[in-house]
Structure formats: structure tokens, C-alpha cells
N, C-alpha and C. Protein backbone atom coordinates (compact mmCIF):
# COMPACT_ATOMS: atom_id res chain seq x y z
N MET A 1 6.50 2.50 -16.62
CA MET A 1 7.59 1.78 -16.00
C MET A 1 7.41 1.81 -14.47
N VAL A 2 7.62 0.68 -13.87
CA VAL A 2 7.50 0.55 -12.43
C VAL A 2 8.90 0.67 -11.84
N SER A 3 9.06 1.55 -10.88
CA SER A 3 10.37 1.71 -10.27
C SER A 3 10.68 0.53 -9.36
N LYS A 4 11.95 0.24 -9.24
CA LYS A 4 12.40 -0.85 -8.37
C LYS A 4 12.02 -0.55 -6.92
N GLN A 5 12.09 0.71 -6.55
CA GLN A 5 11.76 1.12 -5.19
C GLN A 5 10.28 0.84 -4.89
N ALA A 6 9.40 1.13 -5.84
CA ALA A 6 7.97 0.87 -5.64
C ALA A 6 7.70 -0.62 -5.53
N SER A 7 8.36 -1.42 -6.36
CA SER A 7 8.20 -2.87 -6.29
C SER A 7 8.68 -3.40 -4.96
N ASN A 8 9.83 -2.92 -4.50
CA ASN A 8 10.35 -3.36 -3.20
C ASN A 8 9.40 -2.97 -2.07
N ALA A 9 8.84 -1.78 -2.13
CA ALA A 9 7.90 -1.34 -1.11
C ALA A 9 6.67 -2.24 -1.09
N TYR A 10 6.21 -2.64 -2.26
CA TYR A 10 5.06 -3.54 -2.36
C TYR A 10 5.37 -4.86 -1.66
N PHE A 11 6.52 -5.45 -1.97
CA PHE A 11 6.88 -6.73 -1.39
C PHE A 11 7.13 -6.62 0.11
N GLN A 12 7.74 -5.52 0.57
CA GLN A 12 7.98 -5.34 2.00
C GLN A 12 6.67 -5.20 2.76
N ALA A 13 5.76 -4.43 2.23
CA ALA A 13 4.46 -4.25 2.87
C ALA A 13 3.71 -5.57 2.92
N GLN A 14 3.80 -6.31 1.83
CA GLN A 14 3.12 -7.60 1.74
C GLN A 14 3.70 -8.57 2.77
N ALA A 15 5.02 -8.62 2.89
CA ALA A 15 5.66 -9.55 3.81
C ALA A 15 5.42 -9.16 5.26
N SER A 16 5.52 -7.88 5.57
CA SER A 16 5.40 -7.45 6.96
C SER A 16 3.97 -7.54 7.46
N ALA A 17 3.02 -7.37 6.61
CA ALA A 17 1.63 -7.38 7.04
C ALA A 17 1.06 -8.79 7.15
N LYS A 18 1.72 -9.76 6.54
CA LYS A 18 1.25 -11.15 6.55
C LYS A 18 -0.17 -11.27 6.00
N ILE A 19 -0.47 -10.45 5.02
CA ILE A 19 -1.77 -10.48 4.38
C ILE A 19 -1.60 -11.13 3.02
N HIS A 20 -2.53 -11.99 2.66
CA HIS A 20 -2.48 -12.64 1.35
C HIS A 20 -2.49 -11.55 0.27
N PRO A 21 -1.65 -11.68 -0.76
CA PRO A 21 -1.58 -10.64 -1.81
C PRO A 21 -2.93 -10.34 -2.46
N ALA A 22 -3.75 -11.36 -2.67
CA ALA A 22 -5.06 -11.13 -3.28
C ALA A 22 -5.93 -10.28 -2.36
N LYS A 23 -5.85 -10.52 -1.06
CA LYS A 23 -6.62 -9.74 -0.09
C LYS A 23 -6.09 -8.31 -0.02
N LEU A 24 -4.78 -8.15 -0.11
CA LEU A 24 -4.18 -6.82 -0.07
C LEU A 24 -4.68 -5.96 -1.22
N ILE A 25 -4.72 -6.53 -2.41
CA ILE A 25 -5.22 -5.78 -3.57
C ILE A 25 -6.70 -5.46 -3.39
N HIS A 26 -7.46 -6.40 -2.85
CA HIS A 26 -8.87 -6.16 -2.58
C HIS A 26 -9.04 -5.00 -1.60
N MET A 27 -8.20 -4.96 -0.58
CA MET A 27 -8.25 -3.87 0.40
C MET A 27 -7.91 -2.53 -0.25
N LEU A 28 -6.98 -2.54 -1.20
CA LEU A 28 -6.65 -1.31 -1.92
C LEU A 28 -7.86 -0.82 -2.72
N TYR A 29 -8.56 -1.74 -3.39
CA TYR A 29 -9.76 -1.35 -4.14
C TYR A 29 -10.81 -0.76 -3.20
N GLU A 30 -11.02 -1.40 -2.04
CA GLU A 30 -12.01 -0.91 -1.10
C GLU A 30 -11.67 0.50 -0.61
N ARG A 31 -10.41 0.70 -0.25
CA ARG A 31 -10.01 2.02 0.25
C ARG A 31 -10.08 3.07 -0.85
N LEU A 32 -9.73 2.66 -2.07
CA LEU A 32 -9.79 3.58 -3.20
C LEU A 32 -11.22 4.07 -3.41
N LEU A 33 -12.19 3.18 -3.30
CA LEU A 33 -13.59 3.58 -3.46
C LEU A 33 -14.01 4.56 -2.36
N ILE A 34 -13.54 4.34 -1.15
CA ILE A 34 -13.85 5.26 -0.05
C ILE A 34 -13.26 6.64 -0.34
N ASN A 35 -11.99 6.67 -0.75
CA ASN A 35 -11.34 7.95 -1.04
C ASN A 35 -11.99 8.66 -2.21
N LEU A 36 -12.39 7.94 -3.24
CA LEU A 36 -13.07 8.58 -4.38
C LEU A 36 -14.41 9.16 -3.95
N THR A 37 -15.14 8.44 -3.11
CA THR A 37 -16.42 8.94 -2.61
C THR A 37 -16.22 10.22 -1.80
N CYS A 38 -15.25 10.21 -0.91
CA CYS A 38 -14.98 11.40 -0.09
C CYS A 38 -14.48 12.56 -0.94
N ALA A 39 -13.68 12.28 -1.97
CA ALA A 39 -13.20 13.35 -2.86
C ALA A 39 -14.37 13.97 -3.61
N CYS A 40 -15.31 13.14 -4.04
CA CYS A 40 -16.49 13.64 -4.75
C CYS A 40 -17.34 14.50 -3.81
N GLU A 41 -17.52 14.03 -2.58
CA GLU A 41 -18.26 14.81 -1.59
C GLU A 41 -17.57 16.15 -1.35
N GLY A 42 -16.26 16.12 -1.21
CA GLY A 42 -15.50 17.35 -0.99
C GLY A 42 -15.66 18.32 -2.15
N LEU A 43 -15.69 17.79 -3.36
CA LEU A 43 -15.88 18.64 -4.54
C LEU A 43 -17.28 19.26 -4.53
N GLU A 44 -18.29 18.44 -4.25
CA GLU A 44 -19.67 18.93 -4.24
C GLU A 44 -19.94 19.89 -3.09
N GLU A 45 -19.25 19.70 -1.95
CA GLU A 45 -19.41 20.57 -0.78
C GLU A 45 -18.49 21.79 -0.84
N ASN A 46 -17.69 21.86 -1.88
CA ASN A 46 -16.68 22.92 -2.04
C ASN A 46 -15.71 22.94 -0.86
N ASP A 47 -15.40 21.75 -0.35
CA ASP A 47 -14.45 21.57 0.74
C ASP A 47 -13.11 21.19 0.12
N ILE A 48 -12.27 22.19 -0.08
CA ILE A 48 -11.01 21.99 -0.79
C ILE A 48 -10.10 21.00 -0.08
N LYS A 49 -10.05 21.07 1.25
CA LYS A 49 -9.20 20.17 2.02
C LYS A 49 -9.66 18.72 1.86
N LYS A 50 -10.95 18.48 2.04
CA LYS A 50 -11.49 17.13 1.92
C LYS A 50 -11.26 16.58 0.52
N ARG A 51 -11.53 17.40 -0.48
CA ARG A 51 -11.33 16.98 -1.87
C ARG A 51 -9.86 16.66 -2.12
N GLY A 52 -8.99 17.56 -1.72
CA GLY A 52 -7.56 17.41 -1.99
C GLY A 52 -6.94 16.21 -1.31
N GLU A 53 -7.24 16.05 -0.02
CA GLU A 53 -6.67 14.93 0.73
C GLU A 53 -7.12 13.59 0.15
N ASN A 54 -8.40 13.47 -0.13
CA ASN A 54 -8.91 12.20 -0.62
C ASN A 54 -8.52 11.93 -2.06
N LEU A 55 -8.44 12.95 -2.86
CA LEU A 55 -7.99 12.79 -4.24
C LEU A 55 -6.52 12.36 -4.26
N SER A 56 -5.71 12.96 -3.40
CA SER A 56 -4.30 12.59 -3.30
C SER A 56 -4.14 11.13 -2.88
N LYS A 57 -4.93 10.71 -1.91
CA LYS A 57 -4.87 9.32 -1.45
C LYS A 57 -5.33 8.37 -2.56
N ALA A 58 -6.38 8.75 -3.28
CA ALA A 58 -6.87 7.92 -4.38
C ALA A 58 -5.80 7.77 -5.46
N ILE A 59 -5.16 8.85 -5.79
CA ILE A 59 -4.10 8.82 -6.81
C ILE A 59 -2.94 7.94 -6.34
N ALA A 60 -2.60 8.02 -5.06
CA ALA A 60 -1.52 7.18 -4.52
C ALA A 60 -1.89 5.70 -4.60
N ILE A 61 -3.14 5.37 -4.32
CA ILE A 61 -3.58 3.97 -4.38
C ILE A 61 -3.58 3.48 -5.82
N ILE A 62 -4.05 4.29 -6.75
CA ILE A 62 -4.05 3.88 -8.16
C ILE A 62 -2.61 3.65 -8.62
N THR A 63 -1.71 4.51 -8.20
CA THR A 63 -0.29 4.33 -8.53
C THR A 63 0.21 3.00 -7.98
N GLU A 64 -0.17 2.68 -6.76
CA GLU A 64 0.24 1.41 -6.14
C GLU A 64 -0.36 0.22 -6.89
N LEU A 65 -1.63 0.31 -7.26
CA LEU A 65 -2.25 -0.77 -8.03
C LEU A 65 -1.53 -0.97 -9.36
N ASN A 66 -1.15 0.13 -9.99
CA ASN A 66 -0.42 0.05 -11.25
C ASN A 66 0.92 -0.66 -11.05
N CYS A 67 1.55 -0.42 -9.91
CA CYS A 67 2.82 -1.10 -9.60
C CYS A 67 2.62 -2.59 -9.36
N CYS A 68 1.40 -2.99 -9.02
CA CYS A 68 1.12 -4.40 -8.75
C CYS A 68 0.95 -5.22 -10.02
N VAL A 69 0.76 -4.58 -11.14
CA VAL A 69 0.65 -5.31 -12.40
C VAL A 69 2.04 -5.86 -12.70
N THR A 70 2.11 -7.14 -13.01
CA THR A 70 3.39 -7.81 -13.21
C THR A 70 4.28 -7.06 -14.19
N PRO A 71 5.46 -6.64 -13.74
CA PRO A 71 6.38 -5.95 -14.66
C PRO A 71 6.79 -6.87 -15.81
N GLY A 72 6.86 -6.31 -16.98
CA GLY A 72 7.26 -7.08 -18.15
C GLY A 72 6.15 -7.86 -18.81
N ASP A 73 4.99 -7.95 -18.17
CA ASP A 73 3.86 -8.66 -18.76
C ASP A 73 3.25 -7.77 -19.84
N GLU A 74 3.31 -8.23 -21.07
CA GLU A 74 2.78 -7.45 -22.19
C GLU A 74 1.47 -8.04 -22.72
N SER A 75 0.82 -8.88 -21.91
CA SER A 75 -0.46 -9.46 -22.33
C SER A 75 -1.51 -8.37 -22.45
N GLU A 76 -2.58 -8.67 -23.16
CA GLU A 76 -3.66 -7.70 -23.34
C GLU A 76 -4.27 -7.24 -22.01
N PRO A 77 -4.55 -8.16 -21.07
CA PRO A 77 -5.11 -7.70 -19.79
C PRO A 77 -4.16 -6.78 -19.03
N ALA A 78 -2.87 -7.10 -19.03
CA ALA A 78 -1.91 -6.25 -18.32
C ALA A 78 -1.82 -4.87 -18.96
N GLN A 79 -1.79 -4.83 -20.28
CA GLN A 79 -1.74 -3.55 -20.98
C GLN A 79 -3.02 -2.76 -20.73
N PHE A 80 -4.15 -3.46 -20.70
CA PHE A 80 -5.43 -2.81 -20.43
C PHE A 80 -5.42 -2.15 -19.05
N LEU A 81 -4.98 -2.91 -18.03
CA LEU A 81 -4.94 -2.37 -16.67
C LEU A 81 -4.01 -1.18 -16.57
N ARG A 82 -2.83 -1.31 -17.15
CA ARG A 82 -1.88 -0.18 -17.12
C ARG A 82 -2.49 1.05 -17.79
N GLY A 83 -3.15 0.83 -18.92
CA GLY A 83 -3.79 1.94 -19.63
C GLY A 83 -4.91 2.57 -18.83
N MET A 84 -5.73 1.73 -18.19
CA MET A 84 -6.83 2.26 -17.40
C MET A 84 -6.31 3.03 -16.19
N TYR A 85 -5.33 2.47 -15.50
CA TYR A 85 -4.76 3.17 -14.35
C TYR A 85 -4.13 4.48 -14.79
N ALA A 86 -3.39 4.47 -15.89
CA ALA A 86 -2.75 5.71 -16.38
C ALA A 86 -3.80 6.76 -16.73
N THR A 87 -4.87 6.34 -17.37
CA THR A 87 -5.94 7.27 -17.73
C THR A 87 -6.60 7.85 -16.48
N MET A 88 -6.88 7.00 -15.50
CA MET A 88 -7.47 7.50 -14.26
C MET A 88 -6.54 8.49 -13.57
N LEU A 89 -5.24 8.20 -13.57
CA LEU A 89 -4.28 9.11 -12.94
C LEU A 89 -4.28 10.48 -13.62
N VAL A 90 -4.29 10.47 -14.94
CA VAL A 90 -4.30 11.74 -15.69
C VAL A 90 -5.59 12.50 -15.43
N GLU A 91 -6.73 11.81 -15.58
CA GLU A 91 -8.02 12.48 -15.45
C GLU A 91 -8.29 12.96 -14.02
N LEU A 92 -7.96 12.14 -13.02
CA LEU A 92 -8.17 12.57 -11.64
C LEU A 92 -7.25 13.73 -11.27
N GLY A 93 -6.10 13.78 -11.89
CA GLY A 93 -5.19 14.90 -11.66
C GLY A 93 -5.74 16.23 -12.15
N LYS A 94 -6.69 16.19 -13.08
CA LYS A 94 -7.30 17.41 -13.62
C LYS A 94 -8.49 17.89 -12.79
N VAL A 95 -9.01 17.05 -11.91
CA VAL A 95 -10.22 17.37 -11.15
C VAL A 95 -10.10 18.68 -10.35
N PRO A 96 -9.00 18.94 -9.65
CA PRO A 96 -8.93 20.21 -8.90
C PRO A 96 -9.05 21.45 -9.79
N VAL A 97 -8.64 21.33 -11.03
CA VAL A 97 -8.73 22.47 -11.95
C VAL A 97 -10.10 22.55 -12.59
N ASN A 98 -10.57 21.41 -13.13
CA ASN A 98 -11.84 21.37 -13.86
C ASN A 98 -13.06 21.28 -12.95
N LYS A 99 -12.86 20.80 -11.73
CA LYS A 99 -13.95 20.62 -10.75
C LYS A 99 -15.11 19.81 -11.34
N ASP A 100 -14.76 18.69 -11.96
CA ASP A 100 -15.73 17.84 -12.64
C ASP A 100 -15.94 16.55 -11.85
N ALA A 101 -17.05 16.48 -11.12
CA ALA A 101 -17.37 15.30 -10.32
C ALA A 101 -17.64 14.08 -11.19
N ALA A 102 -18.02 14.29 -12.44
CA ALA A 102 -18.29 13.16 -13.34
C ALA A 102 -17.04 12.31 -13.55
N VAL A 103 -15.88 12.93 -13.54
CA VAL A 103 -14.62 12.19 -13.69
C VAL A 103 -14.43 11.25 -12.51
N ILE A 104 -14.71 11.74 -11.32
CA ILE A 104 -14.57 10.91 -10.12
C ILE A 104 -15.58 9.77 -10.14
N ARG A 105 -16.81 10.07 -10.51
CA ARG A 105 -17.85 9.03 -10.57
C ARG A 105 -17.51 7.96 -11.60
N GLN A 106 -16.93 8.36 -12.73
CA GLN A 106 -16.52 7.39 -13.75
C GLN A 106 -15.41 6.48 -13.20
N ALA A 107 -14.46 7.07 -12.51
CA ALA A 107 -13.39 6.28 -11.89
C ALA A 107 -13.97 5.31 -10.87
N GLN A 108 -14.98 5.76 -10.11
CA GLN A 108 -15.64 4.88 -9.14
C GLN A 108 -16.28 3.68 -9.84
N ARG A 109 -16.92 3.91 -10.97
CA ARG A 109 -17.55 2.81 -11.71
C ARG A 109 -16.50 1.81 -12.18
N TYR A 110 -15.39 2.30 -12.71
CA TYR A 110 -14.33 1.40 -13.17
C TYR A 110 -13.75 0.59 -12.01
N VAL A 111 -13.48 1.25 -10.91
CA VAL A 111 -12.88 0.57 -9.76
C VAL A 111 -13.87 -0.42 -9.16
N THR A 112 -15.13 -0.06 -9.11
CA THR A 112 -16.15 -0.98 -8.60
C THR A 112 -16.19 -2.25 -9.44
N ARG A 113 -16.15 -2.10 -10.74
CA ARG A 113 -16.17 -3.26 -11.63
C ARG A 113 -14.91 -4.11 -11.45
N LEU A 114 -13.75 -3.47 -11.36
CA LEU A 114 -12.51 -4.21 -11.13
C LEU A 114 -12.55 -4.95 -9.80
N LYS A 115 -13.06 -4.30 -8.78
CA LYS A 115 -13.16 -4.93 -7.46
C LYS A 115 -14.08 -6.15 -7.51
N GLU A 116 -15.21 -6.03 -8.18
CA GLU A 116 -16.13 -7.16 -8.29
C GLU A 116 -15.48 -8.32 -9.02
N ILE A 117 -14.80 -8.04 -10.10
CA ILE A 117 -14.13 -9.10 -10.86
C ILE A 117 -13.01 -9.71 -10.03
N TRP A 118 -12.30 -8.89 -9.31
CA TRP A 118 -11.23 -9.39 -8.45
C TRP A 118 -11.80 -10.33 -7.39
N GLU A 119 -12.92 -9.96 -6.79
CA GLU A 119 -13.55 -10.80 -5.77
C GLU A 119 -13.95 -12.15 -6.34
N GLU A 120 -14.39 -12.15 -7.58
CA GLU A 120 -14.90 -13.38 -8.17
C GLU A 120 -13.83 -14.22 -8.85
N THR A 121 -12.62 -13.72 -8.94
CA THR A 121 -11.55 -14.51 -9.55
C THR A 121 -10.46 -14.78 -8.52
N ALA A 122 -9.60 -13.83 -8.30
CA ALA A 122 -8.45 -14.03 -7.42
C ALA A 122 -8.86 -14.36 -5.99
N MET A 123 -9.86 -13.68 -5.48
CA MET A 123 -10.29 -13.93 -4.11
C MET A 123 -10.87 -15.34 -3.97
N ARG A 124 -11.70 -15.73 -4.91
CA ARG A 124 -12.30 -17.06 -4.86
C ARG A 124 -11.24 -18.14 -5.04
N GLU A 125 -10.33 -17.95 -6.01
CA GLU A 125 -9.28 -18.94 -6.26
C GLU A 125 -8.42 -19.17 -5.02
N ASN A 126 -8.29 -18.17 -4.19
CA ASN A 126 -7.46 -18.27 -2.99
C ASN A 126 -8.29 -18.52 -1.74
N GLY A 127 -9.56 -18.86 -1.91
CA GLY A 127 -10.43 -19.16 -0.78
C GLY A 127 -10.79 -17.95 0.06
N LEU A 128 -10.76 -16.77 -0.56
CA LEU A 128 -11.02 -15.54 0.18
C LEU A 128 -12.30 -14.84 -0.26
N GLY A 129 -12.94 -15.32 -1.32
CA GLY A 129 -14.04 -14.58 -1.93
C GLY A 129 -15.42 -15.08 -1.57
N SER A 130 -16.40 -14.41 -2.17
CA SER A 130 -17.81 -14.75 -1.96
C SER A 130 -18.22 -15.82 -2.96
N GLU A 131 -19.48 -16.20 -2.92
CA GLU A 131 -19.98 -17.27 -3.78
C GLU A 131 -20.69 -16.78 -5.04
N GLN A 132 -20.80 -15.47 -5.23
CA GLN A 132 -21.48 -14.95 -6.41
C GLN A 132 -20.73 -15.37 -7.67
N LYS A 133 -21.45 -15.66 -8.73
CA LYS A 133 -20.85 -16.12 -9.98
C LYS A 133 -20.26 -14.96 -10.77
N VAL A 134 -19.06 -15.17 -11.30
CA VAL A 134 -18.42 -14.15 -12.13
C VAL A 134 -19.23 -13.89 -13.39
N GLU A 135 -19.95 -14.91 -13.88
CA GLU A 135 -20.75 -14.73 -15.08
C GLU A 135 -21.81 -13.65 -14.89
N SER A 136 -22.38 -13.56 -13.68
CA SER A 136 -23.40 -12.54 -13.44
C SER A 136 -22.79 -11.14 -13.49
N ILE A 137 -21.57 -11.00 -13.03
CA ILE A 137 -20.90 -9.70 -13.09
C ILE A 137 -20.62 -9.34 -14.54
N ILE A 138 -20.15 -10.30 -15.31
CA ILE A 138 -19.83 -10.04 -16.71
C ILE A 138 -21.09 -9.72 -17.50
N GLU A 139 -22.14 -10.49 -17.29
CA GLU A 139 -23.39 -10.27 -18.03
C GLU A 139 -24.02 -8.92 -17.70
N ASN A 140 -23.82 -8.44 -16.47
CA ASN A 140 -24.44 -7.19 -16.04
C ASN A 140 -23.52 -5.99 -16.17
N ALA A 141 -22.38 -6.16 -16.82
CA ALA A 141 -21.45 -5.04 -16.98
C ALA A 141 -22.09 -3.96 -17.84
N PRO A 142 -22.02 -2.70 -17.39
CA PRO A 142 -22.60 -1.62 -18.19
C PRO A 142 -21.85 -1.47 -19.51
N GLU A 143 -22.59 -1.12 -20.55
CA GLU A 143 -21.99 -1.00 -21.87
C GLU A 143 -20.90 0.06 -21.92
N GLU A 144 -21.02 1.12 -21.10
CA GLU A 144 -20.03 2.20 -21.15
C GLU A 144 -18.79 1.87 -20.33
N SER A 145 -18.81 0.74 -19.64
CA SER A 145 -17.70 0.37 -18.79
C SER A 145 -16.44 0.11 -19.59
N ALA A 146 -15.30 0.44 -18.98
CA ALA A 146 -14.02 0.16 -19.63
C ALA A 146 -13.78 -1.33 -19.74
N MET A 147 -14.54 -2.12 -18.99
CA MET A 147 -14.40 -3.56 -19.07
C MET A 147 -14.85 -4.10 -20.42
N VAL A 148 -15.68 -3.37 -21.08
CA VAL A 148 -16.29 -3.85 -22.31
C VAL A 148 -15.56 -3.25 -23.50
N TYR A 149 -14.86 -4.10 -24.25
CA TYR A 149 -14.12 -3.61 -25.41
C TYR A 149 -15.08 -3.28 -26.54
N SER A 150 -16.05 -4.13 -26.73
CA SER A 150 -17.09 -3.88 -27.72
C SER A 150 -18.27 -4.77 -27.37
N ARG A 151 -19.42 -4.44 -27.89
CA ARG A 151 -20.62 -5.20 -27.56
C ARG A 151 -20.44 -6.69 -27.84
N GLY A 152 -19.82 -7.01 -28.95
CA GLY A 152 -19.64 -8.40 -29.33
C GLY A 152 -18.57 -9.13 -28.54
N HIS A 153 -17.72 -8.42 -27.81
CA HIS A 153 -16.63 -9.05 -27.10
C HIS A 153 -16.73 -8.83 -25.59
N LYS A 154 -17.93 -8.63 -25.12
CA LYS A 154 -18.14 -8.29 -23.71
C LYS A 154 -17.52 -9.33 -22.78
N LYS A 155 -17.88 -10.60 -22.94
CA LYS A 155 -17.37 -11.63 -22.05
C LYS A 155 -15.86 -11.77 -22.19
N GLU A 156 -15.39 -11.78 -23.41
CA GLU A 156 -13.97 -11.96 -23.63
C GLU A 156 -13.17 -10.87 -22.93
N GLY A 157 -13.62 -9.63 -23.05
CA GLY A 157 -12.91 -8.51 -22.43
C GLY A 157 -12.92 -8.59 -20.92
N ALA A 158 -14.08 -8.84 -20.34
CA ALA A 158 -14.18 -8.87 -18.88
C ALA A 158 -13.44 -10.07 -18.30
N VAL A 159 -13.53 -11.22 -18.96
CA VAL A 159 -12.82 -12.39 -18.46
C VAL A 159 -11.31 -12.17 -18.57
N ALA A 160 -10.87 -11.54 -19.64
CA ALA A 160 -9.44 -11.26 -19.78
C ALA A 160 -8.96 -10.36 -18.66
N VAL A 161 -9.75 -9.35 -18.33
CA VAL A 161 -9.37 -8.45 -17.24
C VAL A 161 -9.43 -9.19 -15.91
N ALA A 162 -10.35 -10.14 -15.79
CA ALA A 162 -10.48 -10.90 -14.56
C ALA A 162 -9.20 -11.67 -14.24
N ASN A 163 -8.43 -11.99 -15.24
CA ASN A 163 -7.17 -12.70 -15.02
C ASN A 163 -6.08 -11.79 -14.48
N MET A 164 -6.26 -10.51 -14.55
CA MET A 164 -5.56 -9.42 -13.90
C MET A 164 -4.05 -9.31 -14.00
N CYS A 165 -3.31 -10.36 -14.11
CA CYS A 165 -1.85 -10.28 -14.27
C CYS A 165 -1.18 -9.57 -13.10
N PHE A 166 -1.74 -9.70 -11.92
CA PHE A 166 -1.12 -9.08 -10.75
C PHE A 166 -0.07 -10.01 -10.16
N LEU A 167 0.74 -9.48 -9.30
CA LEU A 167 1.79 -10.23 -8.62
C LEU A 167 1.19 -11.01 -7.45
N VAL A 168 0.38 -12.00 -7.74
CA VAL A 168 -0.19 -12.81 -6.65
C VAL A 168 0.13 -14.26 -6.88
């Protein structure tokens, strides 16, 4: 469930910054990848402060991205995104205890794939993206990726997620 306060904060930030909503989400993905990388470095360097600060920021961004999924949308892509964000939140929350960098790296792979799909769909549709074809991203999706529901439904799953159901 998305709180009304979180939704209002999203809209206020969007309005005050005068940034296109598709670009704002893209910026969240970019910053999330930076924070995940720094959290992983902090874990590997045994730097508790670096790990903690960046993991906290990553969790906050994932929470914000989850709030961006259209409330009340029960479509498969929306449910998929909510489920993936919820799973990342739970698993990343365990990292300080388990000290498992593989969890962070897996989250990085998922976010990287989401960012690429976002660039090739929402960003392009709004005149903000690059010229790379979305088909190449879908065709090259790793089999272990959360984007892939099953080997036989690879395109269908990735294209469905590409539609994202965000508030844009």
C-alpha cells in the first residue's frame, strides 16, 4: 500500500523540480545504481559507515520507486514491479546482518535491466531517450534476470515490464 503522504511528496517533488516524470524516474534508477555500488564497496572494504549510508539511500530510493507505480493498478507489470521492489527491500535489509555482497549485485542487475528498459520505452516515447532498440535489450536479457518469466516468454515478460505502469 502506498501512503497518501508518499504520493503527495512524489507529486510535490515532481512539480517543484520541473523535471519530466520519465526523466525523474530515470534519475532515481541512476542514483540507485550508484548507491548500490557504493554499498557493495563498503561491504567489501568492511567500511560500516559507507555500507550503511549507501544501503539506506538505496532502500529509500527503491521505496520511492515503489510509490511511483500507479496505485490501484493490478495489471501483471504493476504487480511484478511491486513484487520485485518488495523483494529487493526485504533482501537488502538483510545485508548488514548476512554481509552478502551477492544480494547487492543481484539488485544491481535487476535495476540495470529496469533502467535500460525505461530508457528504451518511457524515455524514448517522451523524446528523452537514446536510439538503441528495445528489442536488443530484450533479446540480450540474462536468463536469470527477474525480467524473464520463463525461457518461452522472454519477450512477453520484458515488454510487459517495459510498459511499467508508472505515474507518467
